PDB file of N, CA and C in Angstrom:
ATOM      1  N   UNK A   1      -3.662  -4.558  -3.426  1.00  0.00           N
ATOM      2  CA  UNK A   1      -4.470  -4.286  -4.646  1.00  0.00           C
ATOM      3  C   UNK A   1      -4.816  -2.860  -4.716  1.00  0.00           C
ATOM      4  N   UNK A   2      -4.752  -2.172  -5.850  1.00  0.00           N
ATOM      5  CA  UNK A   2      -5.204  -0.790  -6.087  1.00  0.00           C
ATOM      6  C   UNK A   2      -6.754  -0.603  -6.169  1.00  0.00           C
ATOM      7  N   UNK A   3      -7.037   0.612  -5.949  1.00  0.00           N
ATOM      8  CA  UNK A   3      -8.524   0.895  -6.204  1.00  0.00           C
ATOM      9  C   UNK A   3      -8.913   0.589  -7.579  1.00  0.00           C
ATOM     10  N   UNK A   4      -8.095   0.811  -8.488  1.00  0.00           N
ATOM     11  CA  UNK A   4      -8.402   0.470  -9.889  1.00  0.00           C
ATOM     12  C   UNK A   4      -8.567  -0.893 -10.098  1.00  0.00           C
ATOM     13  N   UNK A   5      -7.756  -1.838  -9.495  1.00  0.00           N
ATOM     14  CA  UNK A   5      -7.813  -3.241  -9.669  1.00  0.00           C
ATOM     15  C   UNK A   5      -9.139  -3.683  -9.038  1.00  0.00           C
ATOM     16  N   UNK A   6      -9.373  -3.204  -7.844  1.00  0.00           N
ATOM     17  CA  UNK A   6     -10.720  -3.492  -7.170  1.00  0.00           C
ATOM     18  C   UNK A   6     -12.028  -3.121  -8.120  1.00  0.00           C
ATOM     19  N   UNK A   7     -11.835  -1.898  -8.619  1.00  0.00           N
ATOM     20  CA  UNK A   7     -12.887  -1.439  -9.444  1.00  0.00           C
ATOM     21  C   UNK A   7     -13.138  -2.378 -10.633  1.00  0.00           C
ATOM     22  N   UNK A   8     -12.125  -2.751 -11.282  1.00  0.00           N
ATOM     23  CA  UNK A   8     -12.176  -3.757 -12.380  1.00  0.00           C
ATOM     24  C   UNK A   8     -12.776  -4.949 -12.020  1.00  0.00           C
ATOM     25  N   UNK A   9     -12.476  -5.612 -10.882  1.00  0.00           N
ATOM     26  CA  UNK A   9     -13.059  -6.938 -10.411  1.00  0.00           C
ATOM     27  C   UNK A   9     -14.605  -6.586 -10.120  1.00  0.00           C
ATOM     28  N   UNK A  10     -14.877  -5.510  -9.474  1.00  0.00           N
ATOM     29  CA  UNK A  10     -16.176  -5.283  -8.980  1.00  0.00           C
ATOM     30  C   UNK A  10     -17.050  -5.066 -10.412  1.00  0.00           C
ATOM     31  N   UNK A  11     -16.480  -4.309 -11.526  1.00  0.00           N
ATOM     32  CA  UNK A  11     -17.065  -4.162 -12.540  1.00  0.00           C
ATOM     33  C   UNK A  11     -17.583  -5.458 -13.255  1.00  0.00           C
ATOM     34  N   UNK A  12     -16.531  -6.320 -13.354  1.00  0.00           N
ATOM     35  CA  UNK A  12     -16.736  -7.647 -13.851  1.00  0.00           C
ATOM     36  C   UNK A  12     -17.917  -8.418 -13.214  1.00  0.00           C
ATOM     37  N   UNK A  13     -17.838  -8.337 -11.824  1.00  0.00           N
ATOM     38  CA  UNK A  13     -18.870  -9.054 -11.215  1.00  0.00           C
ATOM     39  C   UNK A  13     -20.283  -8.535 -11.402  1.00  0.00           C
ATOM     40  N   UNK A  14     -20.350  -7.167 -11.287  1.00  0.00           N
ATOM     41  CA  UNK A  14     -21.669  -6.559 -11.517  1.00  0.00           C
ATOM     42  C   UNK A  14     -22.266  -6.739 -12.979  1.00  0.00           C
ATOM     43  N   UNK A  15     -21.305  -6.664 -13.842  1.00  0.00           N
ATOM     44  CA  UNK A  15     -21.688  -6.973 -15.243  1.00  0.00           C
ATOM     45  C   UNK A  15     -22.314  -8.345 -15.418  1.00  0.00           C
ATOM     46  N   UNK A  16     -21.619  -9.300 -14.823  1.00  0.00           N
ATOM     47  CA  UNK A  16     -22.098 -10.596 -15.005  1.00  0.00           C
ATOM     48  C   UNK A  16     -23.382 -10.952 -14.247  1.00  0.00           C
ATOM     49  N   UNK A  17     -23.506 -10.359 -13.038  1.00  0.00           N
ATOM     50  CA  UNK A  17     -24.678 -10.767 -12.117  1.00  0.00           C
ATOM     51  C   UNK A  17     -25.929  -9.876 -12.623  1.00  0.00           C
ATOM     52  N   UNK A  18     -25.679  -8.703 -13.243  1.00  0.00           N
ATOM     53  CA  UNK A  18     -26.721  -7.985 -13.691  1.00  0.00           C
ATOM     54  C   UNK A  18     -27.059  -8.026 -15.238  1.00  0.00           C
ATOM     55  N   UNK A  19     -26.152  -8.769 -15.921  1.00  0.00           N
ATOM     56  CA  UNK A  19     -26.205  -9.054 -17.302  1.00  0.00           C
ATOM     57  C   UNK A  19     -26.352  -7.615 -18.081  1.00  0.00           C
ATOM     58  N   UNK A  20     -25.266  -6.848 -17.854  1.00  0.00           N
ATOM     59  CA  UNK A  20     -25.163  -5.477 -18.575  1.00  0.00           C
ATOM     60  C   UNK A  20     -23.774  -5.285 -18.926  1.00  0.00           C
ATOM     61  N   UNK A  21     -23.634  -4.457 -19.969  1.00  0.00           N
ATOM     62  CA  UNK A  21     -22.285  -4.093 -20.502  1.00  0.00           C
ATOM     63  C   UNK A  21     -21.294  -3.567 -19.543  1.00  0.00           C
ATOM     64  N   UNK A  22     -20.107  -4.150 -19.433  1.00  0.00           N
ATOM     65  CA  UNK A  22     -19.211  -3.634 -18.505  1.00  0.00           C
ATOM     66  C   UNK A  22     -18.980  -2.201 -18.528  1.00  0.00           C
ATOM     67  N   UNK A  23     -18.993  -1.758 -19.838  1.00  0.00           N
ATOM     68  CA  UNK A  23     -18.631  -0.285 -20.035  1.00  0.00           C
ATOM     69  C   UNK A  23     -19.586   0.742 -19.576  1.00  0.00           C
ATOM     70  N   UNK A  24     -20.769   0.249 -19.219  1.00  0.00           N
ATOM     71  CA  UNK A  24     -21.817   1.004 -18.637  1.00  0.00           C
ATOM     72  C   UNK A  24     -21.685   1.246 -17.135  1.00  0.00           C
ATOM     73  N   UNK A  25     -20.714   0.642 -16.571  1.00  0.00           N
ATOM     74  CA  UNK A  25     -20.567   0.626 -15.115  1.00  0.00           C
ATOM     75  C   UNK A  25     -19.487   1.489 -14.664  1.00  0.00           C
ATOM     76  N   UNK A  26     -19.789   2.581 -13.948  1.00  0.00           N
ATOM     77  CA  UNK A  26     -18.762   3.544 -13.403  1.00  0.00           C
ATOM     78  C   UNK A  26     -18.800   3.523 -11.931  1.00  0.00           C
ATOM     79  N   UNK A  27     -17.929   4.197 -11.364  1.00  0.00           N
ATOM     80  CA  UNK A  27     -17.903   4.334 -10.001  1.00  0.00           C
ATOM     81  C   UNK A  27     -19.133   5.164  -9.568  1.00  0.00           C
ATOM     82  N   UNK A  28     -19.736   5.982 -10.365  1.00  0.00           N
ATOM     83  CA  UNK A  28     -20.835   6.688  -9.830  1.00  0.00           C
ATOM     84  C   UNK A  28     -22.221   5.834 -10.192  1.00  0.00           C
ATOM     85  N   UNK A  29     -22.097   4.791 -10.812  1.00  0.00           N
ATOM     86  CA  UNK A  29     -23.398   4.017 -11.154  1.00  0.00           C
ATOM     87  C   UNK A  29     -24.029   3.688  -9.813  1.00  0.00           C
ATOM     88  N   UNK A  30     -25.300   4.025  -9.711  1.00  0.00           N
ATOM     89  CA  UNK A  30     -26.258   3.570  -8.582  1.00  0.00           C
ATOM     90  C   UNK A  30     -26.904   2.254  -8.843  1.00  0.00           C
ATOM     91  N   UNK A  31     -26.704   1.319  -8.132  1.00  0.00           N
ATOM     92  CA  UNK A  31     -27.281   0.009  -8.215  1.00  0.00           C
ATOM     93  C   UNK A  31     -28.734  -0.172  -8.635  1.00  0.00           C
ATOM     94  N   UNK A  32     -29.526   0.626  -7.878  1.00  0.00           N
ATOM     95  CA  UNK A  32     -30.999   0.661  -8.106  1.00  0.00           C
ATOM     96  C   UNK A  32     -31.321   1.540  -9.276  1.00  0.00           C
ATOM     97  N   UNK A  33     -31.060   2.729  -9.283  1.00  0.00           N
ATOM     98  CA  UNK A  33     -31.427   3.784 -10.402  1.00  0.00           C
ATOM     99  C   UNK A  33     -30.817   3.553 -11.602  1.00  0.00           C
ATOM    100  N   UNK A  34     -29.575   3.355 -11.664  1.00  0.00           N
ATOM    101  CA  UNK A  34     -28.685   3.278 -12.830  1.00  0.00           C
ATOM    102  C   UNK A  34     -28.675   1.813 -13.503  1.00  0.00           C
ATOM    103  N   UNK A  35     -28.354   0.926 -12.590  1.00  0.00           N
ATOM    104  CA  UNK A  35     -28.133  -0.494 -13.045  1.00  0.00           C
ATOM    105  C   UNK A  35     -29.504  -1.458 -12.822  1.00  0.00           C
ATOM    106  N   UNK A  36     -30.465  -0.734 -12.403  1.00  0.00           N
ATOM    107  CA  UNK A  36     -31.796  -1.509 -12.329  1.00  0.00           C
ATOM    108  C   UNK A  36     -31.679  -2.848 -11.465  1.00  0.00           C
ATOM    109  N   UNK A  37     -30.833  -2.852 -10.434  1.00  0.00           N
ATOM    110  CA  UNK A  37     -30.823  -3.974  -9.524  1.00  0.00           C
ATOM    111  C   UNK A  37     -31.873  -3.898  -8.502  1.00  0.00           C
ATOM    112  N   UNK A  38     -32.266  -5.077  -8.041  1.00  0.00           N
ATOM    113  CA  UNK A  38     -33.242  -5.108  -6.924  1.00  0.00           C
ATOM    114  C   UNK A  38     -32.550  -5.653  -5.796  1.00  0.00           C
ATOM    115  N   UNK A  39     -33.256  -5.837  -4.706  1.00  0.00           N
ATOM    116  CA  UNK A  39     -32.794  -6.325  -3.405  1.00  0.00           C
ATOM    117  C   UNK A  39     -32.077  -7.681  -3.501  1.00  0.00           C
ATOM    118  N   UNK A  40     -32.744  -8.533  -4.222  1.00  0.00           N
ATOM    119  CA  UNK A  40     -32.101  -9.870  -4.486  1.00  0.00           C
ATOM    120  C   UNK A  40     -30.845  -9.971  -5.231  1.00  0.00           C
ATOM    121  N   UNK A  41     -30.729  -9.052  -6.178  1.00  0.00           N
ATOM    122  CA  UNK A  41     -29.532  -8.841  -6.955  1.00  0.00           C
ATOM    123  C   UNK A  41     -28.519  -8.328  -6.088  1.00  0.00           C
ATOM    124  N   UNK A  42     -28.769  -7.374  -5.158  1.00  0.00           N
ATOM    125  CA  UNK A  42     -27.765  -6.872  -4.254  1.00  0.00           C
ATOM    126  C   UNK A  42     -27.252  -7.891  -3.357  1.00  0.00           C
ATOM    127  N   UNK A  43     -28.043  -8.859  -2.746  1.00  0.00           N
ATOM    128  CA  UNK A  43     -27.696  -9.854  -1.938  1.00  0.00           C
ATOM    129  C   UNK A  43     -26.729 -10.798  -2.742  1.00  0.00           C
ATOM    130  N   UNK A  44     -27.206 -11.147  -3.963  1.00  0.00           N
ATOM    131  CA  UNK A  44     -26.342 -11.981  -4.744  1.00  0.00           C
ATOM    132  C   UNK A  44     -24.956 -11.414  -5.093  1.00  0.00           C
ATOM    133  N   UNK A  45     -24.907 -10.032  -5.412  1.00  0.00           N
ATOM    134  CA  UNK A  45     -23.804  -9.490  -5.585  1.00  0.00           C
ATOM    135  C   UNK A  45     -22.709  -9.343  -4.459  1.00  0.00           C
ATOM    136  N   UNK A  46     -23.360  -9.175  -3.201  1.00  0.00           N
ATOM    137  CA  UNK A  46     -22.579  -9.131  -2.033  1.00  0.00           C
ATOM    138  C   UNK A  46     -21.925 -10.607  -1.751  1.00  0.00           C
ATOM    139  N   UNK A  47     -22.670 -11.566  -1.961  1.00  0.00           N
ATOM    140  CA  UNK A  47     -22.204 -12.930  -1.851  1.00  0.00           C
ATOM    141  C   UNK A  47     -21.124 -13.238  -2.875  1.00  0.00           C
ATOM    142  N   UNK A  48     -21.218 -12.755  -4.016  1.00  0.00           N
ATOM    143  CA  UNK A  48     -20.154 -12.878  -5.074  1.00  0.00           C
ATOM    144  C   UNK A  48     -18.879 -12.072  -4.700  1.00  0.00           C
ATOM    145  N   UNK A  49     -19.076 -10.979  -4.191  1.00  0.00           N
ATOM    146  CA  UNK A  49     -17.994 -10.061  -3.711  1.00  0.00           C
ATOM    147  C   UNK A  49     -17.236 -10.728  -2.688  1.00  0.00           C
ATOM    148  N   UNK A  50     -17.926 -11.334  -1.672  1.00  0.00           N
ATOM    149  CA  UNK A  50     -17.256 -12.094  -0.409  1.00  0.00           C
ATOM    150  C   UNK A  50     -16.390 -13.133  -1.092  1.00  0.00           C
ATOM    151  N   UNK A  51     -17.000 -13.903  -1.991  1.00  0.00           N
ATOM    152  CA  UNK A  51     -16.102 -15.092  -2.632  1.00  0.00           C
ATOM    153  C   UNK A  51     -15.020 -14.466  -3.370  1.00  0.00           C
ATOM    154  N   UNK A  52     -15.113 -13.497  -4.298  1.00  0.00           N
ATOM    155  CA  UNK A  52     -14.059 -13.036  -5.095  1.00  0.00           C
ATOM    156  C   UNK A  52     -12.917 -12.465  -4.298  1.00  0.00           C
ATOM    157  N   UNK A  53     -13.225 -11.782  -3.327  1.00  0.00           N
ATOM    158  CA  UNK A  53     -12.191 -11.055  -2.619  1.00  0.00           C
ATOM    159  C   UNK A  53     -11.900 -11.727  -1.267  1.00  0.00           C
ATOM    160  N   UNK A  54     -12.469 -12.903  -0.972  1.00  0.00           N
ATOM    161  CA  UNK A  54     -12.099 -13.826   0.119  1.00  0.00           C
ATOM    162  C   UNK A  54     -12.209 -12.826   1.408  1.00  0.00           C
ATOM    163  N   UNK A  55     -13.517 -12.331   1.583  1.00  0.00           N
ATOM    164  CA  UNK A  55     -13.760 -11.495   2.623  1.00  0.00           C
ATOM    165  C   UNK A  55     -15.259 -11.783   3.149  1.00  0.00           C
ATOM    166  N   UNK A  56     -15.690 -11.171   4.171  1.00  0.00           N
ATOM    167  CA  UNK A  56     -17.011 -11.103   4.520  1.00  0.00           C
ATOM    168  C   UNK A  56     -17.606  -9.647   4.780  1.00  0.00           C
ATOM    169  N   UNK A  57     -18.409  -9.268   4.023  1.00  0.00           N
ATOM    170  CA  UNK A  57     -18.994  -8.046   4.074  1.00  0.00           C
ATOM    171  C   UNK A  57     -20.217  -7.898   5.046  1.00  0.00           C
ATOM    172  N   UNK A  58     -20.132  -7.250   6.011  1.00  0.00           N
ATOM    173  CA  UNK A  58     -21.189  -7.388   7.105  1.00  0.00           C
ATOM    174  C   UNK A  58     -22.581  -6.848   6.432  1.00  0.00           C
ATOM    175  N   UNK A  59     -23.603  -7.584   6.976  1.00  0.00           N
ATOM    176  CA  UNK A  59     -24.789  -7.210   6.215  1.00  0.00           C
ATOM    177  C   UNK A  59     -25.320  -5.918   6.169  1.00  0.00           C
ATOM    178  N   UNK A  60     -25.037  -5.132   7.327  1.00  0.00           N
ATOM    179  CA  UNK A  60     -25.444  -3.764   7.212  1.00  0.00           C
ATOM    180  C   UNK A  60     -24.643  -2.865   6.407  1.00  0.00           C
ATOM    181  N   UNK A  61     -23.318  -3.365   6.206  1.00  0.00           N
ATOM    182  CA  UNK A  61     -22.468  -2.603   5.079  1.00  0.00           C
ATOM    183  C   UNK A  61     -22.979  -2.905   3.750  1.00  0.00           C
ATOM    184  N   UNK A  62     -23.316  -4.100   3.474  1.00  0.00           N
ATOM    185  CA  UNK A  62     -23.929  -4.542   2.180  1.00  0.00           C
ATOM    186  C   UNK A  62     -25.201  -3.730   1.841  1.00  0.00           C
ATOM    187  N   UNK A  63     -25.948  -3.578   2.845  1.00  0.00           N
ATOM    188  CA  UNK A  63     -27.332  -2.710   2.629  1.00  0.00           C
ATOM    189  C   UNK A  63     -27.115  -1.319   2.270  1.00  0.00           C
ATOM    190  N   UNK A  64     -25.929  -0.874   2.800  1.00  0.00           N
ATOM    191  CA  UNK A  64     -25.635   0.629   2.629  1.00  0.00           C
ATOM    192  C   UNK A  64     -25.103   1.012   1.339  1.00  0.00           C
ATOM    193  N   UNK A  65     -24.542  -0.100   0.520  1.00  0.00           N
ATOM    194  CA  UNK A  65     -24.043   0.212  -0.867  1.00  0.00           C
ATOM    195  C   UNK A  65     -25.111   0.843  -1.799  1.00  0.00           C
ATOM    196  N   UNK A  66     -24.931   2.054  -2.089  1.00  0.00           N
ATOM    197  CA  UNK A  66     -25.799   2.568  -3.173  1.00  0.00           C
ATOM    198  C   UNK A  66     -25.202   2.775  -4.599  1.00  0.00           C
ATOM    199  N   UNK A  67     -23.683   2.851  -4.674  1.00  0.00           N
ATOM    200  CA  UNK A  67     -23.118   2.973  -5.918  1.00  0.00           C
ATOM    201  C   UNK A  67     -21.894   2.016  -5.965  1.00  0.00           C
ATOM    202  N   UNK A  68     -21.466   1.650  -7.177  1.00  0.00           N
ATOM    203  CA  UNK A  68     -20.230   0.887  -7.308  1.00  0.00           C
ATOM    204  C   UNK A  68     -19.089   1.491  -6.608  1.00  0.00           C
ATOM    205  N   UNK A  69     -18.975   2.904  -6.583  1.00  0.00           N
ATOM    206  CA  UNK A  69     -17.893   3.485  -5.827  1.00  0.00           C
ATOM    207  C   UNK A  69     -18.010   3.060  -4.295  1.00  0.00           C
ATOM    208  N   UNK A  70     -19.073   3.094  -3.779  1.00  0.00           N
ATOM    209  CA  UNK A  70     -19.359   2.572  -2.360  1.00  0.00           C
ATOM    210  C   UNK A  70     -18.704   1.214  -2.121  1.00  0.00           C
ATOM    211  N   UNK A  71     -18.855   0.355  -3.052  1.00  0.00           N
ATOM    212  CA  UNK A  71     -18.357  -1.021  -2.894  1.00  0.00           C
ATOM    213  C   UNK A  71     -16.798  -0.922  -2.837  1.00  0.00           C
ATOM    214  N   UNK A  72     -16.323  -0.270  -3.960  1.00  0.00           N
ATOM    215  CA  UNK A  72     -14.853  -0.098  -4.174  1.00  0.00           C
ATOM    216  C   UNK A  72     -14.310   0.556  -2.890  1.00  0.00           C
ATOM    217  N   UNK A  73     -14.852   1.633  -2.344  1.00  0.00           N
ATOM    218  CA  UNK A  73     -14.310   2.213  -1.183  1.00  0.00           C
ATOM    219  C   UNK A  73     -14.290   1.304   0.014  1.00  0.00           C
ATOM    220  N   UNK A  74     -15.389   0.553   0.333  1.00  0.00           N
ATOM    221  CA  UNK A  74     -15.456  -0.365   1.319  1.00  0.00           C
ATOM    222  C   UNK A  74     -14.278  -1.476   1.164  1.00  0.00           C
ATOM    223  N   UNK A  75     -14.115  -2.083   0.005  1.00  0.00           N
ATOM    224  CA  UNK A  75     -13.223  -3.141  -0.242  1.00  0.00           C
ATOM    225  C   UNK A  75     -11.819  -2.484   0.020  1.00  0.00           C
ATOM    226  N   UNK A  76     -11.538  -1.251  -0.617  1.00  0.00           N
ATOM    227  CA  UNK A  76     -10.212  -0.719  -0.508  1.00  0.00           C
ATOM    228  C   UNK A  76      -9.798  -0.459   0.851  1.00  0.00           C
ATOM    229  N   UNK A  77     -10.776  -0.002   1.832  1.00  0.00           N
ATOM    230  CA  UNK A  77     -10.509   0.216   3.130  1.00  0.00           C
ATOM    231  C   UNK A  77     -10.541  -1.050   4.059  1.00  0.00           C
ATOM    232  N   UNK A  78     -11.020  -2.108   3.611  1.00  0.00           N
ATOM    233  CA  UNK A  78     -11.209  -3.428   4.385  1.00  0.00           C
ATOM    234  C   UNK A  78     -10.429  -4.506   3.951  1.00  0.00           C
ATOM    235  N   UNK A  79      -9.758  -4.594   2.897  1.00  0.00           N
ATOM    236  CA  UNK A  79      -8.989  -5.800   2.385  1.00  0.00           C
ATOM    237  C   UNK A  79      -7.727  -5.741   3.221  1.00  0.00           C
ATOM    238  N   UNK A  80      -7.241  -6.896   3.572  1.00  0.00           N
ATOM    239  CA  UNK A  80      -5.911  -6.931   4.309  1.00  0.00           C
ATOM    240  C   UNK A  80      -4.683  -6.748   3.348  1.00  0.00           C
TER     241      UNK A  80
END
């Protein structure tokens, strides 16, 4: 799976979970400052990413995600 494909899936999940327009989500979008996510949103998001990508994101890695690009980078480097 390419980074672009990962980004598109992450973009879809973030748009759905945070009820925002997909076009407003970029790799540079910060979850808290730009997308107005709170800690519960981020937990829900990590659960959805685990399910969508059939993986398990470690709790410490999930807490370290600040931008959409952080998520894409993590997944690109950790998917089999």
